[in-house]
Amino acid sequence: MSSLRLLLPAIPFAALSIAVPLVNRIEPRILGLPFVLAWISAWVVLTPAFLWTLGRLEKRW
């Protein structure tokens, strides 16, 4: 389970720092936003869910 504790916070970090140059495009538009802006917004919203899950797992150990 320790690998899961390292993986959960690494996923949003990778999505917001490493993957942004890979998804840096305007099309397709999602809800009128360029794709890269929708990508960043989605990960800003999803990151607390990852960290909440990590916190729940930490309480069990």
C-alpha atoms as a PDB file:
ATOM      1  CA  MET A   1       0.000   0.000   0.000  1.00  0.00           C
ATOM      2  CA  SER A   2       2.935   2.386   0.346  1.00  0.00           C
ATOM      3  CA  SER A   3       3.187   2.591  -3.444  1.00  0.00           C
ATOM      4  CA  LEU A   4      -0.420   3.787  -3.517  1.00  0.00           C
ATOM      5  CA  ARG A   5       0.450   6.487  -0.987  1.00  0.00           C
ATOM      6  CA  LEU A   6       3.159   7.726  -3.342  1.00  0.00           C
ATOM      7  CA  LEU A   7       1.100   7.328  -6.506  1.00  0.00           C
ATOM      8  CA  LEU A   8      -2.012   9.258  -5.442  1.00  0.00           C
ATOM      9  CA  PRO A   9      -0.347  12.659  -4.994  1.00  0.00           C
ATOM     10  CA  ALA A  10       1.944  12.029  -7.978  1.00  0.00           C
ATOM     11  CA  ILE A  11      -0.918  11.683 -10.466  1.00  0.00           C
ATOM     12  CA  PRO A  12      -2.236  15.279 -10.154  1.00  0.00           C
ATOM     13  CA  PHE A  13       1.330  16.594 -10.033  1.00  0.00           C
ATOM     14  CA  ALA A  14       2.184  14.811 -13.263  1.00  0.00           C
ATOM     15  CA  ALA A  15      -1.057  15.868 -14.908  1.00  0.00           C
ATOM     16  CA  LEU A  16      -0.479  19.523 -14.083  1.00  0.00           C
ATOM     17  CA  SER A  17       3.247  19.758 -14.728  1.00  0.00           C
ATOM     18  CA  ILE A  18       4.376  17.049 -17.112  1.00  0.00           C
ATOM     19  CA  ALA A  19       1.264  16.526 -19.241  1.00  0.00           C
ATOM     20  CA  VAL A  20       0.379  20.174 -19.887  1.00  0.00           C
ATOM     21  CA  PRO A  21       2.885  20.556 -22.747  1.00  0.00           C
ATOM     22  CA  LEU A  22       1.436  17.377 -24.270  1.00  0.00           C
ATOM     23  CA  VAL A  23      -2.150  18.673 -24.211  1.00  0.00           C
ATOM     24  CA  ASN A  24      -1.309  22.252 -25.160  1.00  0.00           C
ATOM     25  CA  ARG A  25      -3.834  22.827 -27.934  1.00  0.00           C
ATOM     26  CA  ILE A  26      -6.861  24.973 -28.520  1.00  0.00           C
ATOM     27  CA  GLU A  27      -9.130  22.436 -30.208  1.00  0.00           C
ATOM     28  CA  PRO A  28     -11.268  20.645 -29.126  1.00  0.00           C
ATOM     29  CA  ARG A  29     -13.128  23.170 -27.044  1.00  0.00           C
ATOM     30  CA  ILE A  30     -14.814  21.910 -23.890  1.00  0.00           C
ATOM     31  CA  LEU A  31     -17.626  24.098 -22.584  1.00  0.00           C
ATOM     32  CA  GLY A  32     -16.171  26.903 -24.701  1.00  0.00           C
ATOM     33  CA  LEU A  33     -12.732  26.624 -23.097  1.00  0.00           C
ATOM     34  CA  PRO A  34      -9.603  25.715 -25.026  1.00  0.00           C
ATOM     35  CA  PHE A  35      -8.567  22.141 -24.301  1.00  0.00           C
ATOM     36  CA  VAL A  36      -5.496  23.055 -22.240  1.00  0.00           C
ATOM     37  CA  LEU A  37      -7.532  25.359 -19.996  1.00  0.00           C
ATOM     38  CA  ALA A  38     -10.221  22.702 -19.549  1.00  0.00           C
ATOM     39  CA  TRP A  39      -7.464  20.177 -18.699  1.00  0.00           C
ATOM     40  CA  ILE A  40      -5.974  22.423 -16.024  1.00  0.00           C
ATOM     41  CA  SER A  41      -9.393  23.301 -14.603  1.00  0.00           C
ATOM     42  CA  ALA A  42     -10.397  19.651 -14.412  1.00  0.00           C
ATOM     43  CA  TRP A  43      -7.237  18.707 -12.550  1.00  0.00           C
ATOM     44  CA  VAL A  44      -7.591  21.620 -10.140  1.00  0.00           C
ATOM     45  CA  VAL A  45     -11.053  20.267  -9.312  1.00  0.00           C
ATOM     46  CA  LEU A  46      -9.903  16.604  -9.164  1.00  0.00           C
ATOM     47  CA  THR A  47      -6.779  17.128  -7.034  1.00  0.00           C
ATOM     48  CA  PRO A  48      -8.682  17.501  -3.720  1.00  0.00           C
ATOM     49  CA  ALA A  49     -10.414  14.171  -4.421  1.00  0.00           C
ATOM     50  CA  PHE A  50      -7.031  12.475  -4.779  1.00  0.00           C
ATOM     51  CA  LEU A  51      -5.754  14.081  -1.594  1.00  0.00           C
ATOM     52  CA  TRP A  52      -8.957  13.260   0.291  1.00  0.00           C
ATOM     53  CA  THR A  53      -8.573   9.619  -0.744  1.00  0.00           C
ATOM     54  CA  LEU A  54      -4.967   9.694   0.429  1.00  0.00           C
ATOM     55  CA  GLY A  55      -6.078  11.111   3.780  1.00  0.00           C
ATOM     56  CA  ARG A  56      -8.697   8.382   4.177  1.00  0.00           C
ATOM     57  CA  LEU A  57      -6.077   5.716   3.411  1.00  0.00           C
ATOM     58  CA  GLU A  58      -3.661   7.262   5.909  1.00  0.00           C
ATOM     59  CA  LYS A  59      -6.264   7.101   8.678  1.00  0.00           C
ATOM     60  CA  ARG A  60      -6.689   3.355   8.102  1.00  0.00           C
ATOM     61  CA  TRP A  61      -2.973   2.679   8.584  1.00  0.00           C
END
